[in-house]
Amino acid sequence: MRGPHIILICEVATPRSYRDIGRVLREEGVLSDGDAATFEEAIRLRNILIHNHVYIGPREVYEAAGRLREELVRVAVKVLDYMRGRGIDP
């Protein structure tokens, strides 16, 4: 299940973009400010890879993935805990 699905099921504010999902989850208390910033950084990287991949090299992708990996696992655990706490099957 992805961010938009969680937000839809929980009936919270509608994000305007993928990057906005972090803000909505922060406002709902799912993510801390730092976790929302990590989520938004990952979305920025995703957008570059999808839409402007010619502007980023393999080394930058590798470094960003290494930097974000552990933080994104922590974010995912928080989202899963939130879902379980609300009786939502991930």
PDB file of N, CA and C in Angstrom:
ATOM      1  N   MET A   1       0.857  -1.170   0.000  1.00  0.00           N
ATOM      2  CA  MET A   1       0.000   0.000   0.000  1.00  0.00           C
ATOM      3  C   MET A   1       0.898   1.227   0.000  1.00  0.00           C
ATOM      4  N   ARG A   2       0.528   2.235  -0.777  1.00  0.00           N
ATOM      5  CA  ARG A   2       1.341   3.440  -0.903  1.00  0.00           C
ATOM      6  C   ARG A   2       0.690   4.601  -0.177  1.00  0.00           C
ATOM      7  N   GLY A   3       1.466   5.701  -0.063  1.00  0.00           N
ATOM      8  CA  GLY A   3       1.011   6.890   0.644  1.00  0.00           C
ATOM      9  C   GLY A   3      -0.381   7.358   0.274  1.00  0.00           C
ATOM     10  N   PRO A   4      -0.694   7.500  -1.021  1.00  0.00           N
ATOM     11  CA  PRO A   4      -2.039   7.970  -1.373  1.00  0.00           C
ATOM     12  C   PRO A   4      -3.143   7.044  -0.873  1.00  0.00           C
ATOM     13  N   HIS A   5      -2.882   5.729  -0.871  1.00  0.00           N
ATOM     14  CA  HIS A   5      -3.891   4.779  -0.398  1.00  0.00           C
ATOM     15  C   HIS A   5      -4.110   4.905   1.102  1.00  0.00           C
ATOM     16  N   ILE A   6      -3.018   5.072   1.842  1.00  0.00           N
ATOM     17  CA  ILE A   6      -3.129   5.243   3.293  1.00  0.00           C
ATOM     18  C   ILE A   6      -3.948   6.483   3.600  1.00  0.00           C
ATOM     19  N   ILE A   7      -3.641   7.561   2.899  1.00  0.00           N
ATOM     20  CA  ILE A   7      -4.333   8.828   3.128  1.00  0.00           C
ATOM     21  C   ILE A   7      -5.811   8.700   2.783  1.00  0.00           C
ATOM     22  N   LEU A   8      -6.126   8.013   1.704  1.00  0.00           N
ATOM     23  CA  LEU A   8      -7.518   7.820   1.305  1.00  0.00           C
ATOM     24  C   LEU A   8      -8.282   7.012   2.354  1.00  0.00           C
ATOM     25  N   ILE A   9      -7.698   5.912   2.798  1.00  0.00           N
ATOM     26  CA  ILE A   9      -8.359   5.052   3.778  1.00  0.00           C
ATOM     27  C   ILE A   9      -8.566   5.776   5.100  1.00  0.00           C
ATOM     28  N   CYS A  10      -7.590   6.571   5.501  1.00  0.00           N
ATOM     29  CA  CYS A  10      -7.672   7.258   6.799  1.00  0.00           C
ATOM     30  C   CYS A  10      -8.493   8.537   6.738  1.00  0.00           C
ATOM     31  N   GLU A  11      -8.945   8.905   5.556  1.00  0.00           N
ATOM     32  CA  GLU A  11      -9.792  10.084   5.366  1.00  0.00           C
ATOM     33  C   GLU A  11      -9.161  11.344   5.955  1.00  0.00           C
ATOM     34  N   VAL A  12      -7.933  11.613   5.533  1.00  0.00           N
ATOM     35  CA  VAL A  12      -7.240  12.832   5.953  1.00  0.00           C
ATOM     36  C   VAL A  12      -7.095  13.750   4.743  1.00  0.00           C
ATOM     37  N   ALA A  13      -6.392  14.853   4.909  1.00  0.00           N
ATOM     38  CA  ALA A  13      -6.236  15.841   3.840  1.00  0.00           C
ATOM     39  C   ALA A  13      -5.691  15.196   2.565  1.00  0.00           C
ATOM     40  N   THR A  14      -6.128  15.701   1.437  1.00  0.00           N
ATOM     41  CA  THR A  14      -5.696  15.181   0.146  1.00  0.00           C
ATOM     42  C   THR A  14      -4.404  15.863  -0.290  1.00  0.00           C
ATOM     43  N   PRO A  15      -3.349  15.085  -0.565  1.00  0.00           N
ATOM     44  CA  PRO A  15      -2.103  15.689  -1.038  1.00  0.00           C
ATOM     45  C   PRO A  15      -2.253  16.168  -2.480  1.00  0.00           C
ATOM     46  N   ARG A  16      -1.529  17.234  -2.818  1.00  0.00           N
ATOM     47  CA  ARG A  16      -1.568  17.771  -4.178  1.00  0.00           C
ATOM     48  C   ARG A  16      -0.567  17.076  -5.093  1.00  0.00           C
ATOM     49  N   SER A  17       0.423  16.419  -4.489  1.00  0.00           N
ATOM     50  CA  SER A  17       1.477  15.766  -5.264  1.00  0.00           C
ATOM     51  C   SER A  17       2.088  14.655  -4.418  1.00  0.00           C
ATOM     52  N   TYR A  18       2.955  13.853  -5.032  1.00  0.00           N
ATOM     53  CA  TYR A  18       3.651  12.827  -4.265  1.00  0.00           C
ATOM     54  C   TYR A  18       4.440  13.463  -3.124  1.00  0.00           C
ATOM     55  N   ARG A  19       5.117  14.565  -3.404  1.00  0.00           N
ATOM     56  CA  ARG A  19       5.925  15.225  -2.377  1.00  0.00           C
ATOM     57  C   ARG A  19       5.068  15.706  -1.215  1.00  0.00           C
ATOM     58  N   ASP A  20       3.841  16.037  -1.497  1.00  0.00           N
ATOM     59  CA  ASP A  20       2.922  16.551  -0.485  1.00  0.00           C
ATOM     60  C   ASP A  20       2.465  15.457   0.492  1.00  0.00           C
ATOM     61  N   ILE A  21       2.652  14.200   0.131  1.00  0.00           N
ATOM     62  CA  ILE A  21       2.253  13.093   1.003  1.00  0.00           C
ATOM     63  C   ILE A  21       2.984  13.179   2.339  1.00  0.00           C
ATOM     64  N   GLY A  22       4.261  13.531   2.309  1.00  0.00           N
ATOM     65  CA  GLY A  22       5.031  13.677   3.543  1.00  0.00           C
ATOM     66  C   GLY A  22       4.436  14.722   4.465  1.00  0.00           C
ATOM     67  N   ARG A  23       4.006  15.842   3.887  1.00  0.00           N
ATOM     68  CA  ARG A  23       3.394  16.912   4.680  1.00  0.00           C
ATOM     69  C   ARG A  23       2.107  16.417   5.330  1.00  0.00           C
ATOM     70  N   VAL A  24       1.271  15.747   4.550  1.00  0.00           N
ATOM     71  CA  VAL A  24      -0.006  15.252   5.076  1.00  0.00           C
ATOM     72  C   VAL A  24       0.235  14.248   6.204  1.00  0.00           C
ATOM     73  N   LEU A  25       1.167  13.329   6.006  1.00  0.00           N
ATOM     74  CA  LEU A  25       1.459  12.342   7.046  1.00  0.00           C
ATOM     75  C   LEU A  25       2.053  13.004   8.289  1.00  0.00           C
ATOM     76  N   ARG A  26       2.816  14.075   8.111  1.00  0.00           N
ATOM     77  CA  ARG A  26       3.349  14.819   9.262  1.00  0.00           C
ATOM     78  C   ARG A  26       2.216  15.512  10.011  1.00  0.00           C
ATOM     79  N   GLU A  27       1.321  16.167   9.275  1.00  0.00           N
ATOM     80  CA  GLU A  27       0.199  16.869   9.906  1.00  0.00           C
ATOM     81  C   GLU A  27      -0.719  15.915  10.666  1.00  0.00           C
ATOM     82  N   GLU A  28      -0.801  14.677  10.209  1.00  0.00           N
ATOM     83  CA  GLU A  28      -1.643  13.682  10.880  1.00  0.00           C
ATOM     84  C   GLU A  28      -0.920  13.005  12.037  1.00  0.00           C
ATOM     85  N   GLY A  29       0.331  13.372  12.272  1.00  0.00           N
ATOM     86  CA  GLY A  29       1.085  12.799  13.376  1.00  0.00           C
ATOM     87  C   GLY A  29       1.712  11.453  13.082  1.00  0.00           C
ATOM     88  N   VAL A  30       1.667  11.034  11.825  1.00  0.00           N
ATOM     89  CA  VAL A  30       2.263   9.754  11.449  1.00  0.00           C
ATOM     90  C   VAL A  30       3.784   9.885  11.424  1.00  0.00           C
ATOM     91  N   LEU A  31       4.273  10.986  10.867  1.00  0.00           N
ATOM     92  CA  LEU A  31       5.707  11.219  10.734  1.00  0.00           C
ATOM     93  C   LEU A  31       6.130  12.450  11.519  1.00  0.00           C
ATOM     94  N   SER A  32       7.351  12.421  12.022  1.00  0.00           N
ATOM     95  CA  SER A  32       7.944  13.603  12.653  1.00  0.00           C
ATOM     96  C   SER A  32       8.379  14.570  11.548  1.00  0.00           C
ATOM     97  N   ASP A  33       8.786  15.762  11.924  1.00  0.00           N
ATOM     98  CA  ASP A  33       9.294  16.720  10.934  1.00  0.00           C
ATOM     99  C   ASP A  33      10.478  16.134  10.171  1.00  0.00           C
ATOM    100  N   GLY A  34      11.394  15.499  10.900  1.00  0.00           N
ATOM    101  CA  GLY A  34      12.574  14.911  10.265  1.00  0.00           C
ATOM    102  C   GLY A  34      12.226  13.777   9.320  1.00  0.00           C
ATOM    103  N   ASP A  35      11.288  12.931   9.727  1.00  0.00           N
ATOM    104  CA  ASP A  35      10.874  11.819   8.870  1.00  0.00           C
ATOM    105  C   ASP A  35      10.151  12.322   7.622  1.00  0.00           C
ATOM    106  N   ALA A  36       9.347  13.358   7.781  1.00  0.00           N
ATOM    107  CA  ALA A  36       8.661  13.937   6.621  1.00  0.00           C
ATOM    108  C   ALA A  36       9.680  14.537   5.660  1.00  0.00           C
ATOM    109  N   ALA A  37      10.724  15.176   6.192  1.00  0.00           N
ATOM    110  CA  ALA A  37      11.776  15.743   5.341  1.00  0.00           C
ATOM    111  C   ALA A  37      12.512  14.634   4.591  1.00  0.00           C
ATOM    112  N   THR A  38      12.782  13.519   5.261  1.00  0.00           N
ATOM    113  CA  THR A  38      13.418  12.375   4.606  1.00  0.00           C
ATOM    114  C   THR A  38      12.527  11.841   3.495  1.00  0.00           C
ATOM    115  N   PHE A  39      11.249  11.704   3.774  1.00  0.00           N
ATOM    116  CA  PHE A  39      10.290  11.233   2.774  1.00  0.00           C
ATOM    117  C   PHE A  39      10.289  12.173   1.568  1.00  0.00           C
ATOM    118  N   GLU A  40      10.259  13.478   1.827  1.00  0.00           N
ATOM    119  CA  GLU A  40      10.240  14.462   0.744  1.00  0.00           C
ATOM    120  C   GLU A  40      11.535  14.424  -0.062  1.00  0.00           C
ATOM    121  N   GLU A  41      12.671  14.198   0.596  1.00  0.00           N
ATOM    122  CA  GLU A  41      13.942  14.075  -0.119  1.00  0.00           C
ATOM    123  C   GLU A  41      13.919  12.860  -1.044  1.00  0.00           C
ATOM    124  N   ALA A  42      13.366  11.752  -0.563  1.00  0.00           N
ATOM    125  CA  ALA A  42      13.258  10.548  -1.387  1.00  0.00           C
ATOM    126  C   ALA A  42      12.343  10.796  -2.585  1.00  0.00           C
ATOM    127  N   ILE A  43      11.269  11.533  -2.385  1.00  0.00           N
ATOM    128  CA  ILE A  43      10.359  11.846  -3.490  1.00  0.00           C
ATOM    129  C   ILE A  43      11.043  12.755  -4.507  1.00  0.00           C
ATOM    130  N   ARG A  44      11.836  13.723  -4.031  1.00  0.00           N
ATOM    131  CA  ARG A  44      12.589  14.586  -4.965  1.00  0.00           C
ATOM    132  C   ARG A  44      13.522  13.739  -5.819  1.00  0.00           C
ATOM    133  N   LEU A  45      14.228  12.795  -5.185  1.00  0.00           N
ATOM    134  CA  LEU A  45      15.117  11.902  -5.928  1.00  0.00           C
ATOM    135  C   LEU A  45      14.315  11.074  -6.923  1.00  0.00           C
ATOM    136  N   ARG A  46      13.190  10.559  -6.499  1.00  0.00           N
ATOM    137  CA  ARG A  46      12.317   9.793  -7.400  1.00  0.00           C
ATOM    138  C   ARG A  46      11.899  10.623  -8.601  1.00  0.00           C
ATOM    139  N   ASN A  47      11.518  11.876  -8.359  1.00  0.00           N
ATOM    140  CA  ASN A  47      11.084  12.740  -9.456  1.00  0.00           C
ATOM    141  C   ASN A  47      12.215  13.020 -10.433  1.00  0.00           C
ATOM    142  N   ILE A  48      13.422  13.215  -9.920  1.00  0.00           N
ATOM    143  CA  ILE A  48      14.573  13.424 -10.802  1.00  0.00           C
ATOM    144  C   ILE A  48      14.819  12.180 -11.637  1.00  0.00           C
ATOM    145  N   LEU A  49      14.772  11.018 -11.005  1.00  0.00           N
ATOM    146  CA  LEU A  49      15.015   9.770 -11.731  1.00  0.00           C
ATOM    147  C   LEU A  49      13.957   9.515 -12.796  1.00  0.00           C
ATOM    148  N   ILE A  50      12.719   9.830 -12.501  1.00  0.00           N
ATOM    149  CA  ILE A  50      11.628   9.570 -13.440  1.00  0.00           C
ATOM    150  C   ILE A  50      11.578  10.610 -14.556  1.00  0.00           C
ATOM    151  N   HIS A  51      11.717  11.877 -14.195  1.00  0.00           N
ATOM    152  CA  HIS A  51      11.473  12.946 -15.161  1.00  0.00           C
ATOM    153  C   HIS A  51      12.730  13.594 -15.732  1.00  0.00           C
ATOM    154  N   ASN A  52      13.829  13.606 -14.989  1.00  0.00           N
ATOM    155  CA  ASN A  52      15.032  14.322 -15.426  1.00  0.00           C
ATOM    156  C   ASN A  52      16.289  13.497 -15.211  1.00  0.00           C
ATOM    157  N   HIS A  53      16.222  12.218 -15.504  1.00  0.00           N
ATOM    158  CA  HIS A  53      17.329  11.320 -15.185  1.00  0.00           C
ATOM    159  C   HIS A  53      18.650  11.713 -15.831  1.00  0.00           C
ATOM    160  N   VAL A  54      18.619  12.503 -16.892  1.00  0.00           N
ATOM    161  CA  VAL A  54      19.870  12.908 -17.540  1.00  0.00           C
ATOM    162  C   VAL A  54      20.666  13.869 -16.667  1.00  0.00           C
ATOM    163  N   TYR A  55      20.035  14.438 -15.641  1.00  0.00           N
ATOM    164  CA  TYR A  55      20.703  15.423 -14.789  1.00  0.00           C
ATOM    165  C   TYR A  55      21.338  14.826 -13.540  1.00  0.00           C
ATOM    166  N   ILE A  56      21.277  13.531 -13.389  1.00  0.00           N
ATOM    167  CA  ILE A  56      21.869  12.910 -12.199  1.00  0.00           C
ATOM    168  C   ILE A  56      22.643  11.667 -12.629  1.00  0.00           C
ATOM    169  N   GLY A  57      23.841  11.548 -12.091  1.00  0.00           N
ATOM    170  CA  GLY A  57      24.692  10.429 -12.454  1.00  0.00           C
ATOM    171  C   GLY A  57      24.530   9.250 -11.519  1.00  0.00           C
ATOM    172  N   PRO A  58      25.048   8.109 -11.930  1.00  0.00           N
ATOM    173  CA  PRO A  58      24.943   6.902 -11.109  1.00  0.00           C
ATOM    174  C   PRO A  58      25.544   7.073  -9.711  1.00  0.00           C
ATOM    175  N   ARG A  59      26.643   7.803  -9.614  1.00  0.00           N
ATOM    176  CA  ARG A  59      27.279   7.991  -8.304  1.00  0.00           C
ATOM    177  C   ARG A  59      26.348   8.741  -7.355  1.00  0.00           C
ATOM    178  N   GLU A  60      25.688   9.787  -7.853  1.00  0.00           N
ATOM    179  CA  GLU A  60      24.764  10.551  -7.005  1.00  0.00           C
ATOM    180  C   GLU A  60      23.583   9.690  -6.564  1.00  0.00           C
ATOM    181  N   VAL A  61      23.085   8.866  -7.466  1.00  0.00           N
ATOM    182  CA  VAL A  61      21.971   7.972  -7.121  1.00  0.00           C
ATOM    183  C   VAL A  61      22.416   6.985  -6.042  1.00  0.00           C
ATOM    184  N   TYR A  62      23.593   6.406  -6.222  1.00  0.00           N
ATOM    185  CA  TYR A  62      24.121   5.442  -5.256  1.00  0.00           C
ATOM    186  C   TYR A  62      24.311   6.089  -3.888  1.00  0.00           C
ATOM    187  N   GLU A  63      24.890   7.288  -3.869  1.00  0.00           N
ATOM    188  CA  GLU A  63      25.118   7.984  -2.599  1.00  0.00           C
ATOM    189  C   GLU A  63      23.799   8.338  -1.910  1.00  0.00           C
ATOM    190  N   ALA A  64      22.835   8.826  -2.688  1.00  0.00           N
ATOM    191  CA  ALA A  64      21.533   9.185  -2.107  1.00  0.00           C
ATOM    192  C   ALA A  64      20.831   7.945  -1.565  1.00  0.00           C
ATOM    193  N   ALA A  65      20.890   6.854  -2.313  1.00  0.00           N
ATOM    194  CA  ALA A  65      20.250   5.615  -1.860  1.00  0.00           C
ATOM    195  C   ALA A  65      20.889   5.125  -0.561  1.00  0.00           C
ATOM    196  N   GLY A  66      22.194   5.201  -0.473  1.00  0.00           N
ATOM    197  CA  GLY A  66      22.878   4.787   0.746  1.00  0.00           C
ATOM    198  C   GLY A  66      22.520   5.667   1.928  1.00  0.00           C
ATOM    199  N   ARG A  67      22.423   6.966   1.682  1.00  0.00           N
ATOM    200  CA  ARG A  67      22.101   7.921   2.743  1.00  0.00           C
ATOM    201  C   ARG A  67      20.660   7.757   3.221  1.00  0.00           C
ATOM    202  N   LEU A  68      19.754   7.475   2.301  1.00  0.00           N
ATOM    203  CA  LEU A  68      18.330   7.419   2.626  1.00  0.00           C
ATOM    204  C   LEU A  68      17.852   6.047   3.105  1.00  0.00           C
ATOM    205  N   ARG A  69      18.600   5.011   2.819  1.00  0.00           N
ATOM    206  CA  ARG A  69      18.129   3.642   3.057  1.00  0.00           C
ATOM    207  C   ARG A  69      17.624   3.413   4.479  1.00  0.00           C
ATOM    208  N   GLU A  70      18.467   3.632   5.463  1.00  0.00           N
ATOM    209  CA  GLU A  70      18.061   3.357   6.846  1.00  0.00           C
ATOM    210  C   GLU A  70      16.942   4.291   7.298  1.00  0.00           C
ATOM    211  N   GLU A  71      17.017   5.541   6.867  1.00  0.00           N
ATOM    212  CA  GLU A  71      15.985   6.499   7.264  1.00  0.00           C
ATOM    213  C   GLU A  71      14.628   6.122   6.677  1.00  0.00           C
ATOM    214  N   LEU A  72      14.622   5.650   5.427  1.00  0.00           N
ATOM    215  CA  LEU A  72      13.350   5.270   4.804  1.00  0.00           C
ATOM    216  C   LEU A  72      12.772   4.004   5.426  1.00  0.00           C
ATOM    217  N   VAL A  73      13.623   3.106   5.880  1.00  0.00           N
ATOM    218  CA  VAL A  73      13.125   1.925   6.597  1.00  0.00           C
ATOM    219  C   VAL A  73      12.416   2.382   7.869  1.00  0.00           C
ATOM    220  N   ARG A  74      13.005   3.333   8.590  1.00  0.00           N
ATOM    221  CA  ARG A  74      12.383   3.862   9.813  1.00  0.00           C
ATOM    222  C   ARG A  74      11.036   4.513   9.490  1.00  0.00           C
ATOM    223  N   VAL A  75      10.981   5.277   8.384  1.00  0.00           N
ATOM    224  CA  VAL A  75       9.728   5.915   7.969  1.00  0.00           C
ATOM    225  C   VAL A  75       8.680   4.848   7.652  1.00  0.00           C
ATOM    226  N   ALA A  76       9.085   3.810   6.932  1.00  0.00           N
ATOM    227  CA  ALA A  76       8.147   2.738   6.576  1.00  0.00           C
ATOM    228  C   ALA A  76       7.601   2.046   7.824  1.00  0.00           C
ATOM    229  N   VAL A  77       8.455   1.819   8.807  1.00  0.00           N
ATOM    230  CA  VAL A  77       8.012   1.186  10.057  1.00  0.00           C
ATOM    231  C   VAL A  77       6.985   2.067  10.758  1.00  0.00           C
ATOM    232  N   LYS A  78       7.213   3.372  10.781  1.00  0.00           N
ATOM    233  CA  LYS A  78       6.254   4.285  11.415  1.00  0.00           C
ATOM    234  C   LYS A  78       4.906   4.253  10.701  1.00  0.00           C
ATOM    235  N   VAL A  79       4.947   4.224   9.372  1.00  0.00           N
ATOM    236  CA  VAL A  79       3.696   4.180   8.608  1.00  0.00           C
ATOM    237  C   VAL A  79       2.968   2.863   8.876  1.00  0.00           C
ATOM    238  N   LEU A  80       3.701   1.754   8.886  1.00  0.00           N
ATOM    239  CA  LEU A  80       3.080   0.453   9.175  1.00  0.00           C
ATOM    240  C   LEU A  80       2.491   0.410  10.580  1.00  0.00           C
ATOM    241  N   ASP A  81       3.220   0.948  11.560  1.00  0.00           N
ATOM    242  CA  ASP A  81       2.699   0.992  12.932  1.00  0.00           C
ATOM    243  C   ASP A  81       1.414   1.813  12.999  1.00  0.00           C
ATOM    244  N   TYR A  82       1.394   2.928  12.294  1.00  0.00           N
ATOM    245  CA  TYR A  82       0.202   3.783  12.259  1.00  0.00           C
ATOM    246  C   TYR A  82      -0.977   3.012  11.667  1.00  0.00           C
ATOM    247  N   MET A  83      -0.720   2.314  10.558  1.00  0.00           N
ATOM    248  CA  MET A  83      -1.785   1.557   9.905  1.00  0.00           C
ATOM    249  C   MET A  83      -2.320   0.459  10.818  1.00  0.00           C
ATOM    250  N   ARG A  84      -1.421  -0.270  11.432  1.00  0.00           N
ATOM    251  CA  ARG A  84      -1.845  -1.351  12.335  1.00  0.00           C
ATOM    252  C   ARG A  84      -2.643  -0.799  13.509  1.00  0.00           C
ATOM    253  N   GLY A  85      -2.212   0.355  14.012  1.00  0.00           N
ATOM    254  CA  GLY A  85      -2.921   0.991  15.118  1.00  0.00           C
ATOM    255  C   GLY A  85      -4.332   1.416  14.756  1.00  0.00           C
ATOM    256  N   ARG A  86      -4.573   1.631  13.464  1.00  0.00           N
ATOM    257  CA  ARG A  86      -5.907   2.016  12.997  1.00  0.00           C
ATOM    258  C   ARG A  86      -6.676   0.839  12.412  1.00  0.00           C
ATOM    259  N   GLY A  87      -6.098  -0.365  12.527  1.00  0.00           N
ATOM    260  CA  GLY A  87      -6.780  -1.554  12.020  1.00  0.00           C
ATOM    261  C   GLY A  87      -6.758  -1.676  10.509  1.00  0.00           C
ATOM    262  N   ILE A  88      -5.768  -1.060   9.870  1.00  0.00           N
ATOM    263  CA  ILE A  88      -5.648  -1.114   8.411  1.00  0.00           C
ATOM    264  C   ILE A  88      -4.652  -2.211   8.057  1.00  0.00           C
ATOM    265  N   ASP A  89      -5.051  -3.127   7.203  1.00  0.00           N
ATOM    266  CA  ASP A  89      -4.175  -4.209   6.775  1.00  0.00           C
ATOM    267  C   ASP A  89      -3.235  -3.688   5.693  1.00  0.00           C
ATOM    268  N   PRO A  90      -1.936  -3.658   6.002  1.00  0.00           N
ATOM    269  CA  PRO A  90      -1.001  -3.145   4.995  1.00  0.00           C
ATOM    270  C   PRO A  90      -0.861  -4.099   3.837  1.00  0.00           C
TER     271      PRO A  90
END
